[in-house]
Amino acid sequence: MMTWEYRVFREEDGTYVIREVYYDNGSIVACTEKAVTPMGESLEELQKDIEWFKEALELPVLTLADIPSHLNKQHPKDRSKNLSLEQVRAELGLAKPSTRHRHAQRKSVTPVLVTAKKSGRVRVR
């Protein structure tokens, strides 16, 4: 099961930051590249986030060397075999919709205002 928690990291320059660390069955599998800051959509959420930051101070300090080495290396991706949308459409025998057709489709759609609450963080210990 994937879980996460805040952890304190000591940077190469000697400063301390907090990152999110992700675990799979108790083993570290990833961490955020950059430090994170407390946040919340309400004072209560912000307070809870700050409490989790304080909990991180009670755990052993990590360094990026504690993260599995394959996560620290950025391997360039070979994109030479990627196909463009036009190439995929051609291979599938799909005609590109005309601008007129797309415009007609837009007119037939009823506009709906959607408000999305910022995704809440779920933390499992």
C-alpha atoms as a PDB file:
ATOM      1  CA  MET A   1       0.000   0.000   0.000  1.00  0.00           C
ATOM      2  CA  MET A   2       1.324   3.438  -0.930  1.00  0.00           C
ATOM      3  CA  THR A   3       1.598   5.964   1.889  1.00  0.00           C
ATOM      4  CA  TRP A   4       3.358   9.256   2.378  1.00  0.00           C
ATOM      5  CA  GLU A   5       4.523  11.559   5.114  1.00  0.00           C
ATOM      6  CA  TYR A   6       6.555  14.688   5.567  1.00  0.00           C
ATOM      7  CA  ARG A   7      10.252  14.183   6.311  1.00  0.00           C
ATOM      8  CA  VAL A   8      13.078  16.559   7.123  1.00  0.00           C
ATOM      9  CA  PHE A   9      16.002  16.536   4.672  1.00  0.00           C
ATOM     10  CA  ARG A  10      19.458  18.010   5.119  1.00  0.00           C
ATOM     11  CA  GLU A  11      20.517  19.589   1.847  1.00  0.00           C
ATOM     12  CA  GLU A  12      24.040  19.506   0.413  1.00  0.00           C
ATOM     13  CA  ASP A  13      24.545  23.131   1.495  1.00  0.00           C
ATOM     14  CA  GLY A  14      23.702  22.219   5.118  1.00  0.00           C
ATOM     15  CA  THR A  15      20.203  23.708   5.214  1.00  0.00           C
ATOM     16  CA  TYR A  16      17.137  21.759   6.291  1.00  0.00           C
ATOM     17  CA  VAL A  17      13.920  21.420   4.287  1.00  0.00           C
ATOM     18  CA  ILE A  18      10.780  19.320   4.419  1.00  0.00           C
ATOM     19  CA  ARG A  19       9.745  17.084   1.532  1.00  0.00           C
ATOM     20  CA  GLU A  20       6.959  14.594   1.011  1.00  0.00           C
ATOM     21  CA  VAL A  21       8.312  11.049   1.093  1.00  0.00           C
ATOM     22  CA  TYR A  22       6.349   8.223  -0.517  1.00  0.00           C
ATOM     23  CA  TYR A  23       6.486   4.633   0.694  1.00  0.00           C
ATOM     24  CA  ASP A  24       5.355   1.340  -0.776  1.00  0.00           C
ATOM     25  CA  ASN A  25       4.937  -1.326   1.896  1.00  0.00           C
ATOM     26  CA  GLY A  26       7.147   0.660   4.264  1.00  0.00           C
ATOM     27  CA  SER A  27      10.032   1.224   1.823  1.00  0.00           C
ATOM     28  CA  ILE A  28      10.867   4.655   0.459  1.00  0.00           C
ATOM     29  CA  VAL A  29      10.096   4.800  -3.244  1.00  0.00           C
ATOM     30  CA  ALA A  30      10.104   8.541  -3.960  1.00  0.00           C
ATOM     31  CA  CYS A  31      10.213  12.045  -2.593  1.00  0.00           C
ATOM     32  CA  THR A  32       9.294  15.452  -3.893  1.00  0.00           C
ATOM     33  CA  GLU A  33      12.058  17.115  -5.853  1.00  0.00           C
ATOM     34  CA  LYS A  34      11.594  20.431  -4.100  1.00  0.00           C
ATOM     35  CA  ALA A  35      10.795  21.361  -0.535  1.00  0.00           C
ATOM     36  CA  VAL A  36       7.132  21.734   0.380  1.00  0.00           C
ATOM     37  CA  THR A  37       5.379  24.363   2.476  1.00  0.00           C
ATOM     38  CA  PRO A  38       2.357  24.063   4.763  1.00  0.00           C
ATOM     39  CA  MET A  39      -0.958  24.792   3.087  1.00  0.00           C
ATOM     40  CA  GLY A  40      -4.678  24.436   3.572  1.00  0.00           C
ATOM     41  CA  GLU A  41      -7.991  25.685   2.239  1.00  0.00           C
ATOM     42  CA  SER A  42      -9.062  26.573   5.765  1.00  0.00           C
ATOM     43  CA  LEU A  43      -7.291  27.487   8.975  1.00  0.00           C
ATOM     44  CA  GLU A  44      -8.079  24.003  10.293  1.00  0.00           C
ATOM     45  CA  GLU A  45      -6.459  22.333   7.259  1.00  0.00           C
ATOM     46  CA  LEU A  46      -3.424  24.595   7.576  1.00  0.00           C
ATOM     47  CA  GLN A  47      -3.182  23.780  11.279  1.00  0.00           C
ATOM     48  CA  LYS A  48      -3.277  20.030  10.530  1.00  0.00           C
ATOM     49  CA  ASP A  49      -0.601  20.402   7.866  1.00  0.00           C
ATOM     50  CA  ILE A  50       1.613  22.281  10.338  1.00  0.00           C
ATOM     51  CA  GLU A  51       1.068  19.475  12.876  1.00  0.00           C
ATOM     52  CA  TRP A  52       2.291  16.964  10.267  1.00  0.00           C
ATOM     53  CA  PHE A  53       5.339  19.177   9.662  1.00  0.00           C
ATOM     54  CA  LYS A  54       6.043  19.096  13.413  1.00  0.00           C
ATOM     55  CA  GLU A  55       5.766  15.286  13.367  1.00  0.00           C
ATOM     56  CA  ALA A  56       8.467  15.239  10.679  1.00  0.00           C
ATOM     57  CA  LEU A  57      10.829  16.941  13.137  1.00  0.00           C
ATOM     58  CA  GLU A  58      10.567  13.901  15.426  1.00  0.00           C
ATOM     59  CA  LEU A  59      11.757  11.469  12.722  1.00  0.00           C
ATOM     60  CA  PRO A  60      15.368  10.861  11.659  1.00  0.00           C
ATOM     61  CA  VAL A  61      16.681  13.434   9.190  1.00  0.00           C
ATOM     62  CA  LEU A  62      17.140  12.168   5.622  1.00  0.00           C
ATOM     63  CA  THR A  63      19.357  13.231   2.745  1.00  0.00           C
ATOM     64  CA  LEU A  64      18.792  12.654  -0.949  1.00  0.00           C
ATOM     65  CA  ALA A  65      21.320   9.829  -0.642  1.00  0.00           C
ATOM     66  CA  ASP A  66      18.668   7.973   1.410  1.00  0.00           C
ATOM     67  CA  ILE A  67      16.366   7.924  -1.602  1.00  0.00           C
ATOM     68  CA  PRO A  68      16.872   4.946  -3.946  1.00  0.00           C
ATOM     69  CA  SER A  69      19.568   5.966  -6.438  1.00  0.00           C
ATOM     70  CA  HIS A  70      17.458   5.356  -9.536  1.00  0.00           C
ATOM     71  CA  LEU A  71      15.162   8.149  -8.328  1.00  0.00           C
ATOM     72  CA  ASN A  72      18.004  10.671  -8.099  1.00  0.00           C
ATOM     73  CA  LYS A  73      19.077  10.315 -11.724  1.00  0.00           C
ATOM     74  CA  GLN A  74      17.247  11.981 -14.564  1.00  0.00           C
ATOM     75  CA  HIS A  75      17.539   9.656 -17.543  1.00  0.00           C
ATOM     76  CA  PRO A  76      16.870  11.281 -20.877  1.00  0.00           C
ATOM     77  CA  LYS A  77      13.849   9.713 -22.492  1.00  0.00           C
ATOM     78  CA  ASP A  78      14.133   8.367 -26.016  1.00  0.00           C
ATOM     79  CA  ARG A  79      11.344  10.105 -27.855  1.00  0.00           C
ATOM     80  CA  SER A  80      12.540   9.133 -31.333  1.00  0.00           C
ATOM     81  CA  LYS A  81       9.760   6.549 -31.711  1.00  0.00           C
ATOM     82  CA  ASN A  82       6.942   8.881 -30.592  1.00  0.00           C
ATOM     83  CA  LEU A  83       4.258   9.611 -33.146  1.00  0.00           C
ATOM     84  CA  SER A  84       2.487  12.902 -33.661  1.00  0.00           C
ATOM     85  CA  LEU A  85      -1.299  13.107 -33.415  1.00  0.00           C
ATOM     86  CA  GLU A  86      -1.475  13.483 -37.187  1.00  0.00           C
ATOM     87  CA  GLN A  87       0.609  10.302 -37.686  1.00  0.00           C
ATOM     88  CA  VAL A  88      -1.630   8.316 -35.330  1.00  0.00           C
ATOM     89  CA  ARG A  89      -4.766   9.581 -37.079  1.00  0.00           C
ATOM     90  CA  ALA A  90      -3.286   8.641 -40.461  1.00  0.00           C
ATOM     91  CA  GLU A  91      -2.330   5.140 -39.279  1.00  0.00           C
ATOM     92  CA  LEU A  92      -5.818   4.607 -37.857  1.00  0.00           C
ATOM     93  CA  GLY A  93      -7.474   5.970 -40.972  1.00  0.00           C
ATOM     94  CA  LEU A  94      -9.155   8.784 -39.068  1.00  0.00           C
ATOM     95  CA  ALA A  95      -9.859  11.997 -40.864  1.00  0.00           C
ATOM     96  CA  LYS A  96      -9.059  15.171 -38.988  1.00  0.00           C
ATOM     97  CA  PRO A  97     -12.368  16.891 -38.112  1.00  0.00           C
ATOM     98  CA  SER A  98     -12.896  20.086 -40.023  1.00  0.00           C
ATOM     99  CA  THR A  99     -12.849  23.397 -38.201  1.00  0.00           C
ATOM    100  CA  ARG A 100     -16.490  23.889 -39.168  1.00  0.00           C
ATOM    101  CA  HIS A 101     -17.456  20.530 -37.623  1.00  0.00           C
ATOM    102  CA  ARG A 102     -15.562  21.294 -34.400  1.00  0.00           C
ATOM    103  CA  HIS A 103     -17.198  24.717 -34.224  1.00  0.00           C
ATOM    104  CA  ALA A 104     -20.641  23.131 -34.611  1.00  0.00           C
ATOM    105  CA  GLN A 105     -19.814  20.672 -31.834  1.00  0.00           C
ATOM    106  CA  ARG A 106     -18.846  23.499 -29.524  1.00  0.00           C
ATOM    107  CA  LYS A 107     -22.104  25.311 -30.177  1.00  0.00           C
ATOM    108  CA  SER A 108     -24.126  22.231 -29.257  1.00  0.00           C
ATOM    109  CA  VAL A 109     -22.442  21.822 -25.879  1.00  0.00           C
ATOM    110  CA  THR A 110     -24.250  23.359 -22.945  1.00  0.00           C
ATOM    111  CA  PRO A 111     -21.811  25.357 -20.842  1.00  0.00           C
ATOM    112  CA  VAL A 112     -21.620  24.192 -17.257  1.00  0.00           C
ATOM    113  CA  LEU A 113     -19.773  25.943 -14.477  1.00  0.00           C
ATOM    114  CA  VAL A 114     -17.747  23.406 -12.566  1.00  0.00           C
ATOM    115  CA  THR A 115     -16.027  24.274  -9.362  1.00  0.00           C
ATOM    116  CA  ALA A 116     -13.445  21.843  -8.145  1.00  0.00           C
ATOM    117  CA  LYS A 117     -12.195  21.793  -4.623  1.00  0.00           C
ATOM    118  CA  LYS A 118      -8.440  21.475  -4.469  1.00  0.00           C
ATOM    119  CA  SER A 119      -7.523  17.840  -4.068  1.00  0.00           C
ATOM    120  CA  GLY A 120      -7.172  17.058  -0.386  1.00  0.00           C
ATOM    121  CA  ARG A 121      -4.159  15.157   0.775  1.00  0.00           C
ATOM    122  CA  VAL A 122      -4.844  11.783   2.311  1.00  0.00           C
ATOM    123  CA  ARG A 123      -2.150  10.482   4.536  1.00  0.00           C
ATOM    124  CA  VAL A 124      -2.127   6.915   5.767  1.00  0.00           C
ATOM    125  CA  ARG A 125       0.231   5.737   8.461  1.00  0.00           C
END
